């Protein structure tokens, strides 16, 4: 059992009885998600208690069991307007519990050791969207077309923009609510894009502020996944010229 300083939101390992705490480093006006991956060598699910308030009860997150790091992440959203601190504790009486976890947002993790933290070119080209990948970009104040493609079932990723998040799900086969939890008022700032086919396309509007895309799927499921964001400013100008 150990207490882990999680103020930088970095990728950590949590085992039975461990607690990780981020104290005073969540910002008002920003939405965060705790990403939990089951790294145990068995298929038993693991329960995590997320504490975000002294007056409200903790939220229990169930991280799906898996072997060989092949499972989905479990997500728990936290609103920085509700709290500036959060902690996650792996409950006792779970022998062999072994989780990998990090905090994702437009700000975090500030320590990206173990995370593929890359700038996403907004040039219309396909880029690999592998596990533990965090893409960031600053779209200008116009429209863009975004697309995620994956040939495996239930591929999940999250798009962050300050106090908003969109959970994108490709090849959906079941209700994703079992792996998505919310603290406080965070649910009202989260939307879902869910499609049953291999390609999800959506439009986004830049405003000169940073946006972030984080993979929330397994290593195996992310081998062939791609992401692309293309500016539509040229098409708009051309349309005006006509």
Protein backbone atom coordinates (compact mmCIF):
# COMPACT_ATOMS: atom_id res chain seq x y z
CA UNK A 1 0.00 0.00 0.00
CA UNK A 2 1.37 3.38 -0.99
CA UNK A 3 0.33 7.00 -1.42
CA UNK A 4 1.28 8.44 -4.81
CA UNK A 5 1.73 12.14 -5.65
CA UNK A 6 -0.36 12.56 -8.82
CA UNK A 7 -0.17 16.34 -9.17
CA UNK A 8 1.34 16.08 -12.67
CA UNK A 9 -1.27 13.54 -13.84
CA UNK A 10 1.46 11.24 -15.15
CA UNK A 11 1.08 7.57 -16.09
CA UNK A 12 1.26 5.58 -12.87
CA UNK A 13 0.75 2.03 -11.62
CA UNK A 14 -1.88 1.37 -8.96
CA UNK A 15 -2.06 -1.88 -7.00
CA UNK A 16 -4.28 -3.17 -4.22
CA UNK A 17 -4.55 -0.58 -1.45
CA UNK A 18 -2.72 2.19 -3.36
CA UNK A 19 -4.03 5.77 -3.46
CA UNK A 20 -3.00 8.48 -5.96
CA UNK A 21 -3.84 12.11 -5.16
CA UNK A 22 -3.88 15.28 -7.22
CA UNK A 23 -4.11 18.10 -4.68
CA UNK A 24 -5.05 21.60 -5.78
CA UNK A 25 -3.97 21.29 -9.40
CA UNK A 26 -7.29 21.03 -11.25
CA UNK A 27 -8.31 24.31 -12.88
CA UNK A 28 -11.73 25.93 -12.89
CA UNK A 29 -13.19 26.01 -16.39
CA UNK A 30 -11.53 22.75 -17.43
CA UNK A 31 -12.82 19.20 -17.73
CA UNK A 32 -10.61 16.23 -16.87
CA UNK A 33 -10.83 12.47 -17.21
CA UNK A 34 -9.08 9.81 -15.22
CA UNK A 35 -8.03 6.99 -17.56
CA UNK A 36 -7.71 3.53 -15.96
CA UNK A 37 -6.32 0.44 -17.75
CA UNK A 38 -6.38 -3.03 -16.24
CA UNK A 39 -2.83 -4.39 -16.47
CA UNK A 40 -3.32 -7.43 -14.23
CA UNK A 41 -2.44 -10.87 -15.47
CA UNK A 42 -5.98 -12.13 -14.93
CA UNK A 43 -9.45 -11.23 -16.18
CA UNK A 44 -10.87 -10.01 -12.85
CA UNK A 45 -12.32 -6.51 -12.89
CA UNK A 46 -10.89 -3.95 -10.46
CA UNK A 47 -12.82 -1.35 -8.45
CA UNK A 48 -11.41 2.13 -7.91
CA UNK A 49 -12.85 4.70 -5.51
CA UNK A 50 -12.59 8.27 -6.86
CA UNK A 51 -12.85 10.98 -4.19
CA UNK A 52 -13.53 14.53 -5.39
CA UNK A 53 -15.48 16.14 -2.53
CA UNK A 54 -15.64 16.07 1.27
CA UNK A 55 -19.42 16.46 1.20
CA UNK A 56 -20.32 14.11 -1.67
CA UNK A 57 -19.75 10.33 -1.72
CA UNK A 58 -16.91 8.84 -3.77
CA UNK A 59 -17.60 7.46 -7.25
CA UNK A 60 -16.80 3.78 -7.76
CA UNK A 61 -15.22 3.01 -11.12
CA UNK A 62 -15.13 -0.58 -12.36
CA UNK A 63 -12.15 -1.23 -14.64
CA UNK A 64 -12.94 -4.21 -16.91
CA UNK A 65 -10.86 -7.33 -16.44
CA UNK A 66 -8.49 -8.36 -19.19
CA UNK A 67 -5.24 -10.17 -19.86
CA UNK A 68 -2.12 -8.92 -21.66
CA UNK A 69 -3.27 -5.25 -21.55
CA UNK A 70 -5.94 -5.86 -24.19
CA UNK A 71 -8.88 -4.16 -22.48
CA UNK A 72 -10.61 -0.81 -22.81
CA UNK A 73 -9.84 2.03 -20.47
CA UNK A 74 -12.43 3.00 -17.88
CA UNK A 75 -13.04 6.76 -17.80
CA UNK A 76 -14.06 8.98 -14.90
CA UNK A 77 -14.75 12.65 -15.71
CA UNK A 78 -14.08 15.44 -13.21
CA UNK A 79 -15.14 19.10 -13.58
CA UNK A 80 -12.60 21.66 -12.38
CA UNK A 81 -15.50 23.94 -11.38
CA UNK A 82 -16.54 21.32 -8.81
CA UNK A 83 -13.15 20.66 -7.25
CA UNK A 84 -9.45 21.46 -7.57
CA UNK A 85 -8.42 18.07 -6.18
CA UNK A 86 -9.11 14.40 -6.87
CA UNK A 87 -7.81 11.07 -5.65
CA UNK A 88 -8.15 7.48 -6.83
CA UNK A 89 -7.81 4.48 -4.53
CA UNK A 90 -7.73 0.81 -5.50
CA UNK A 91 -9.91 -0.88 -2.93
CA UNK A 92 -8.54 -3.63 -0.72
CA UNK A 93 -9.53 -7.30 -1.00
CA UNK A 94 -8.63 -7.33 -4.69
CA UNK A 95 -5.55 -9.59 -4.80
CA UNK A 96 -3.42 -9.10 -7.88
CA UNK A 97 -5.00 -5.75 -8.80
CA UNK A 98 -2.73 -3.87 -11.17
CA UNK A 99 -3.87 -0.73 -13.02
CA UNK A 100 -2.20 1.84 -15.24
CA UNK A 101 -3.71 5.30 -14.92
CA UNK A 102 -3.22 8.91 -15.99
CA UNK A 103 -5.19 12.17 -15.99
CA UNK A 104 -6.15 13.61 -19.38
CA UNK A 105 -7.34 17.11 -20.37
CA UNK A 106 -6.17 20.08 -22.42
CA UNK A 107 -3.70 20.63 -19.55
CA UNK A 108 -2.77 17.16 -18.32
CA UNK A 109 -0.72 15.16 -17.94
CA UNK A 110 2.00 17.76 -17.48
CA UNK A 111 4.48 14.91 -17.08
CA UNK A 112 4.07 12.87 -20.28
CA UNK A 113 6.59 10.15 -19.47
CA UNK A 114 5.16 6.91 -20.84
CA UNK A 115 2.61 8.79 -22.98
CA UNK A 116 2.95 9.39 -26.72
CA UNK A 117 2.42 13.16 -26.53
CA UNK A 118 2.46 14.60 -30.05
CA UNK A 119 1.24 17.61 -31.98
CA UNK A 120 -1.43 16.62 -34.51
CA UNK A 121 -0.90 18.27 -37.92
CA UNK A 122 -4.24 19.59 -39.18
CA UNK A 123 -3.32 18.80 -42.77
CA UNK A 124 -5.87 16.18 -43.80
CA UNK A 125 -3.40 13.28 -43.59
CA UNK A 126 -3.95 10.07 -41.64
CA UNK A 127 -1.95 9.61 -38.43
CA UNK A 128 -1.72 6.47 -36.26
CA UNK A 129 -3.81 6.64 -33.11
CA UNK A 130 -2.08 4.10 -30.90
CA UNK A 131 -2.62 3.26 -27.23
CA UNK A 132 -1.42 5.83 -24.67
CA UNK A 133 -1.37 8.51 -27.38
CA UNK A 134 -2.27 12.14 -26.61
CA UNK A 135 -2.49 14.41 -29.66
CA UNK A 136 -2.75 18.18 -29.25
CA UNK A 137 -3.33 21.06 -31.68
CA UNK A 138 -4.57 24.65 -31.74
CA UNK A 139 -7.24 24.87 -34.47
CA UNK A 140 -7.79 28.36 -35.86
CA UNK A 141 -11.19 30.07 -35.72
CA UNK A 142 -12.89 28.20 -38.54
CA UNK A 143 -14.39 24.80 -39.33
CA UNK A 144 -12.51 21.53 -39.57
CA UNK A 145 -13.49 18.00 -40.54
CA UNK A 146 -12.25 15.23 -38.24
CA UNK A 147 -12.29 11.48 -38.72
CA UNK A 148 -11.34 8.40 -36.71
CA UNK A 149 -11.13 4.98 -38.28
CA UNK A 150 -10.66 1.57 -36.69
CA UNK A 151 -11.48 -1.95 -37.82
CA UNK A 152 -11.99 -3.37 -34.32
CA UNK A 153 -15.07 -3.35 -32.12
CA UNK A 154 -15.84 -0.61 -29.62
CA UNK A 155 -12.84 1.65 -30.31
CA UNK A 156 -13.03 4.58 -27.87
CA UNK A 157 -11.22 7.93 -27.77
CA UNK A 158 -11.86 11.31 -26.13
CA UNK A 159 -11.65 14.84 -27.57
CA UNK A 160 -11.05 17.65 -25.03
CA UNK A 161 -11.56 21.38 -25.46
CA UNK A 162 -11.33 23.28 -22.17
CA UNK A 163 -14.57 22.45 -20.29
CA UNK A 164 -15.99 20.16 -22.98
CA UNK A 165 -15.29 16.55 -23.90
CA UNK A 166 -16.58 14.30 -26.65
CA UNK A 167 -16.33 10.52 -26.34
CA UNK A 168 -15.96 9.08 -29.86
CA UNK A 169 -16.86 5.41 -30.30
CA UNK A 170 -16.28 3.49 -33.54
CA UNK A 171 -17.74 0.04 -34.30
CA UNK A 172 -19.99 0.26 -31.27
CA UNK A 173 -21.33 -3.10 -30.12
CA UNK A 174 -22.64 -2.34 -26.63
CA UNK A 175 -23.65 0.44 -24.28
CA UNK A 176 -20.42 2.25 -23.26
CA UNK A 177 -21.90 3.51 -19.98
CA UNK A 178 -20.30 0.64 -18.07
CA UNK A 179 -16.84 2.13 -18.65
CA UNK A 180 -17.73 5.84 -18.31
CA UNK A 181 -18.27 7.43 -14.88
CA UNK A 182 -18.86 11.01 -13.78
CA UNK A 183 -18.25 13.07 -10.64
CA UNK A 184 -20.34 16.09 -9.70
CA UNK A 185 -21.60 18.14 -12.65
CA UNK A 186 -19.14 16.71 -15.18
CA UNK A 187 -21.68 14.67 -17.15
CA UNK A 188 -23.39 17.78 -18.54
CA UNK A 189 -20.12 18.73 -20.28
CA UNK A 190 -19.63 15.36 -21.99
CA UNK A 191 -21.20 14.33 -25.31
CA UNK A 192 -20.91 11.05 -27.20
CA UNK A 193 -20.45 10.35 -30.91
CA UNK A 194 -21.30 6.68 -31.44
CA UNK A 195 -21.36 4.83 -34.78
CA UNK A 196 -21.70 1.14 -35.60
CA UNK A 197 -19.32 1.23 -38.57
CA UNK A 198 -15.55 1.57 -38.94
CA UNK A 199 -15.40 5.32 -39.63
CA UNK A 200 -16.62 8.24 -37.53
CA UNK A 201 -16.61 11.68 -39.16
CA UNK A 202 -17.57 14.91 -37.38
CA UNK A 203 -17.07 18.66 -37.73
CA UNK A 204 -15.33 20.81 -35.14
CA UNK A 205 -14.88 24.56 -34.91
CA UNK A 206 -11.59 26.00 -33.75
CA UNK A 207 -11.32 29.09 -31.57
CA UNK A 208 -7.57 29.53 -31.20
CA UNK A 209 -7.46 27.41 -28.05
CA UNK A 210 -5.82 24.03 -27.64
CA UNK A 211 -7.71 20.81 -28.33
CA UNK A 212 -6.59 17.34 -27.30
CA UNK A 213 -7.43 13.82 -28.54
CA UNK A 214 -6.62 10.84 -26.30
CA UNK A 215 -6.86 7.15 -27.14
CA UNK A 216 -8.87 5.20 -24.56
CA UNK A 217 -8.50 1.76 -26.06
CA UNK A 218 -6.22 -1.25 -25.75
CA UNK A 219 -2.84 -1.79 -27.35
CA UNK A 220 -4.25 -4.50 -29.59
CA UNK A 221 -7.31 -2.50 -30.66
CA UNK A 222 -5.18 0.53 -31.50
CA UNK A 223 -2.75 -1.12 -33.90
CA UNK A 224 -4.63 0.00 -37.03
CA UNK A 225 -6.54 3.03 -35.70
CA UNK A 226 -6.04 6.41 -37.40
CA UNK A 227 -7.08 10.02 -36.84
CA UNK A 228 -7.23 12.90 -39.32
CA UNK A 229 -8.25 16.56 -38.98
CA UNK A 230 -8.59 18.73 -42.11
CA UNK A 231 -9.15 22.47 -42.34
CA UNK A 232 -12.26 23.53 -44.26
CA UNK A 233 -11.23 27.19 -44.50
CA UNK A 234 -10.13 26.84 -48.13
CA UNK A 235 -13.46 25.36 -49.18
CA UNK A 236 -15.30 28.21 -47.43
CA UNK A 237 -13.25 30.90 -49.16
CA UNK A 238 -13.68 29.20 -52.51
CA UNK A 239 -17.44 29.09 -51.98
CA UNK A 240 -17.55 32.83 -51.27
CA UNK A 241 -15.56 33.53 -54.43
CA UNK A 242 -18.25 31.87 -56.54
